[in-house]
Amino acid sequence: MRKTSARMIETENEVQIDKVAHGDFLFLFQKGVLISLNKQGILNNEQCLLCVEKLEKQYIK
């Protein structure tokens, strides 16, 4: 299998993301990263669930 790589050259319309203005997006993005790490075998199911629970406590009040 051939490995490929990518390099970012520049960005446009850069937006500062914070919990107040973009909380839903930030929560779902971080949860998606955790699920991806789980699917790759980097986190096991228990670790993933624990991290998602802690993440939910940060955003869902």
N, C-alpha and C. Protein backbone atom coordinates (compact mmCIF):
# COMPACT_ATOMS: atom_id res chain seq x y z
N MET A 1 0.84 -1.17 0.00
CA MET A 1 0.00 0.00 0.00
C MET A 1 0.89 1.24 0.00
N ARG A 2 0.62 2.16 -0.87
CA ARG A 2 1.41 3.38 -1.02
C ARG A 2 0.91 4.46 -0.07
N LYS A 3 1.82 5.06 0.68
CA LYS A 3 1.46 6.15 1.58
C LYS A 3 1.51 7.47 0.83
N THR A 4 0.54 8.30 1.12
CA THR A 4 0.53 9.63 0.52
C THR A 4 0.57 10.67 1.63
N SER A 5 0.95 11.86 1.29
CA SER A 5 0.97 12.93 2.27
C SER A 5 0.44 14.21 1.65
N ALA A 6 0.07 15.13 2.51
CA ALA A 6 -0.45 16.42 2.06
C ALA A 6 0.18 17.52 2.90
N ARG A 7 0.23 18.70 2.33
CA ARG A 7 0.81 19.83 3.03
C ARG A 7 -0.09 21.04 2.81
N MET A 8 -0.42 21.74 3.91
CA MET A 8 -1.24 22.93 3.80
C MET A 8 -0.36 24.10 3.40
N ILE A 9 -0.77 24.80 2.37
CA ILE A 9 0.01 25.93 1.87
C ILE A 9 -0.47 27.24 2.48
N GLU A 10 -1.79 27.43 2.51
CA GLU A 10 -2.34 28.64 3.09
C GLU A 10 -3.79 28.42 3.50
N THR A 11 -4.34 29.34 4.27
CA THR A 11 -5.74 29.28 4.66
C THR A 11 -6.42 30.59 4.27
N GLU A 12 -7.72 30.51 4.10
CA GLU A 12 -8.52 31.69 3.81
C GLU A 12 -9.63 31.78 4.84
N ASN A 13 -10.03 33.00 5.12
CA ASN A 13 -11.16 33.23 6.03
C ASN A 13 -10.99 32.51 7.36
N GLU A 14 -9.83 32.65 7.97
CA GLU A 14 -9.55 32.00 9.25
C GLU A 14 -10.53 32.47 10.31
N VAL A 15 -11.09 31.53 11.06
CA VAL A 15 -12.08 31.83 12.09
C VAL A 15 -11.55 31.34 13.43
N GLN A 16 -11.65 32.19 14.44
CA GLN A 16 -11.29 31.77 15.79
C GLN A 16 -12.47 31.00 16.38
N ILE A 17 -12.23 29.78 16.82
CA ILE A 17 -13.29 28.94 17.35
C ILE A 17 -13.20 28.91 18.87
N ASP A 18 -14.32 29.17 19.53
CA ASP A 18 -14.36 29.11 20.99
C ASP A 18 -15.64 28.40 21.43
N LYS A 19 -15.66 27.97 22.70
CA LYS A 19 -16.79 27.20 23.22
C LYS A 19 -18.10 27.97 23.20
N VAL A 20 -18.04 29.28 23.37
CA VAL A 20 -19.27 30.07 23.44
C VAL A 20 -19.92 30.18 22.06
N ALA A 21 -19.17 30.64 21.09
CA ALA A 21 -19.73 30.89 19.76
C ALA A 21 -19.89 29.62 18.92
N HIS A 22 -19.03 28.64 19.13
CA HIS A 22 -19.02 27.45 18.27
C HIS A 22 -19.00 26.16 19.08
N GLY A 23 -19.68 26.16 20.22
CA GLY A 23 -19.66 25.02 21.13
C GLY A 23 -20.10 23.71 20.49
N ASP A 24 -21.20 23.74 19.73
CA ASP A 24 -21.70 22.51 19.12
C ASP A 24 -20.69 21.93 18.14
N PHE A 25 -20.12 22.80 17.30
CA PHE A 25 -19.13 22.33 16.33
C PHE A 25 -17.91 21.75 17.05
N LEU A 26 -17.40 22.48 18.04
CA LEU A 26 -16.20 22.05 18.74
C LEU A 26 -16.42 20.72 19.45
N PHE A 27 -17.58 20.56 20.09
CA PHE A 27 -17.91 19.31 20.76
C PHE A 27 -17.93 18.14 19.78
N LEU A 28 -18.65 18.31 18.66
CA LEU A 28 -18.76 17.23 17.68
C LEU A 28 -17.42 16.92 17.01
N PHE A 29 -16.62 17.95 16.78
CA PHE A 29 -15.29 17.73 16.19
C PHE A 29 -14.42 16.89 17.12
N GLN A 30 -14.37 17.28 18.40
CA GLN A 30 -13.54 16.54 19.36
C GLN A 30 -14.06 15.13 19.58
N LYS A 31 -15.38 14.97 19.60
CA LYS A 31 -15.95 13.63 19.75
C LYS A 31 -15.60 12.78 18.53
N GLY A 32 -15.64 13.37 17.35
CA GLY A 32 -15.26 12.65 16.14
C GLY A 32 -13.81 12.19 16.17
N VAL A 33 -12.93 13.03 16.70
CA VAL A 33 -11.52 12.66 16.82
C VAL A 33 -11.38 11.46 17.76
N LEU A 34 -12.08 11.49 18.88
CA LEU A 34 -12.03 10.36 19.82
C LEU A 34 -12.54 9.08 19.19
N ILE A 35 -13.62 9.15 18.45
CA ILE A 35 -14.17 7.95 17.79
C ILE A 35 -13.20 7.43 16.73
N SER A 36 -12.56 8.35 16.01
CA SER A 36 -11.56 7.94 15.02
C SER A 36 -10.39 7.23 15.68
N LEU A 37 -9.93 7.76 16.81
CA LEU A 37 -8.83 7.12 17.54
C LEU A 37 -9.23 5.74 18.02
N ASN A 38 -10.49 5.58 18.40
CA ASN A 38 -11.01 4.28 18.82
C ASN A 38 -11.02 3.30 17.65
N LYS A 39 -11.49 3.75 16.51
CA LYS A 39 -11.56 2.87 15.34
C LYS A 39 -10.17 2.46 14.85
N GLN A 40 -9.18 3.31 15.08
CA GLN A 40 -7.80 3.00 14.68
C GLN A 40 -7.10 2.11 15.71
N GLY A 41 -7.75 1.87 16.84
CA GLY A 41 -7.16 1.03 17.88
C GLY A 41 -6.23 1.77 18.81
N ILE A 42 -6.17 3.09 18.71
CA ILE A 42 -5.31 3.88 19.59
C ILE A 42 -5.95 4.00 20.97
N LEU A 43 -7.27 4.15 21.01
CA LEU A 43 -8.03 4.12 22.26
C LEU A 43 -8.90 2.87 22.24
N ASN A 44 -8.99 2.18 23.40
CA ASN A 44 -9.93 1.07 23.45
C ASN A 44 -11.32 1.62 23.76
N ASN A 45 -12.33 0.76 23.76
CA ASN A 45 -13.71 1.22 23.95
C ASN A 45 -13.90 1.93 25.29
N GLU A 46 -13.32 1.38 26.34
CA GLU A 46 -13.47 1.97 27.67
C GLU A 46 -12.83 3.36 27.72
N GLN A 47 -11.64 3.50 27.16
CA GLN A 47 -10.97 4.80 27.13
C GLN A 47 -11.79 5.81 26.34
N CYS A 48 -12.31 5.39 25.20
CA CYS A 48 -13.09 6.28 24.35
C CYS A 48 -14.35 6.75 25.08
N LEU A 49 -15.07 5.83 25.70
CA LEU A 49 -16.28 6.20 26.42
C LEU A 49 -15.99 7.15 27.57
N LEU A 50 -14.92 6.90 28.30
CA LEU A 50 -14.53 7.78 29.40
C LEU A 50 -14.21 9.19 28.89
N CYS A 51 -13.48 9.27 27.80
CA CYS A 51 -13.14 10.57 27.22
C CYS A 51 -14.38 11.30 26.71
N VAL A 52 -15.30 10.58 26.09
CA VAL A 52 -16.53 11.20 25.59
C VAL A 52 -17.36 11.71 26.76
N GLU A 53 -17.42 10.94 27.85
CA GLU A 53 -18.16 11.39 29.03
C GLU A 53 -17.56 12.67 29.60
N LYS A 54 -16.24 12.74 29.69
CA LYS A 54 -15.58 13.95 30.19
C LYS A 54 -15.81 15.12 29.24
N LEU A 55 -15.79 14.86 27.97
CA LEU A 55 -16.04 15.89 26.98
C LEU A 55 -17.47 16.44 27.11
N GLU A 56 -18.43 15.53 27.29
CA GLU A 56 -19.83 15.93 27.45
C GLU A 56 -20.00 16.83 28.67
N LYS A 57 -19.30 16.53 29.75
CA LYS A 57 -19.40 17.35 30.96
C LYS A 57 -18.88 18.78 30.72
N GLN A 58 -17.96 18.93 29.79
CA GLN A 58 -17.42 20.24 29.48
C GLN A 58 -18.42 21.09 28.69
N TYR A 59 -19.24 20.45 27.88
CA TYR A 59 -20.11 21.18 26.96
C TYR A 59 -21.58 21.15 27.35
N ILE A 60 -22.04 20.05 27.91
CA ILE A 60 -23.46 19.89 28.21
C ILE A 60 -23.67 20.15 29.70
N LYS A 61 -24.29 21.26 29.98
CA LYS A 61 -24.49 21.64 31.39
C LYS A 61 -25.96 21.71 31.70
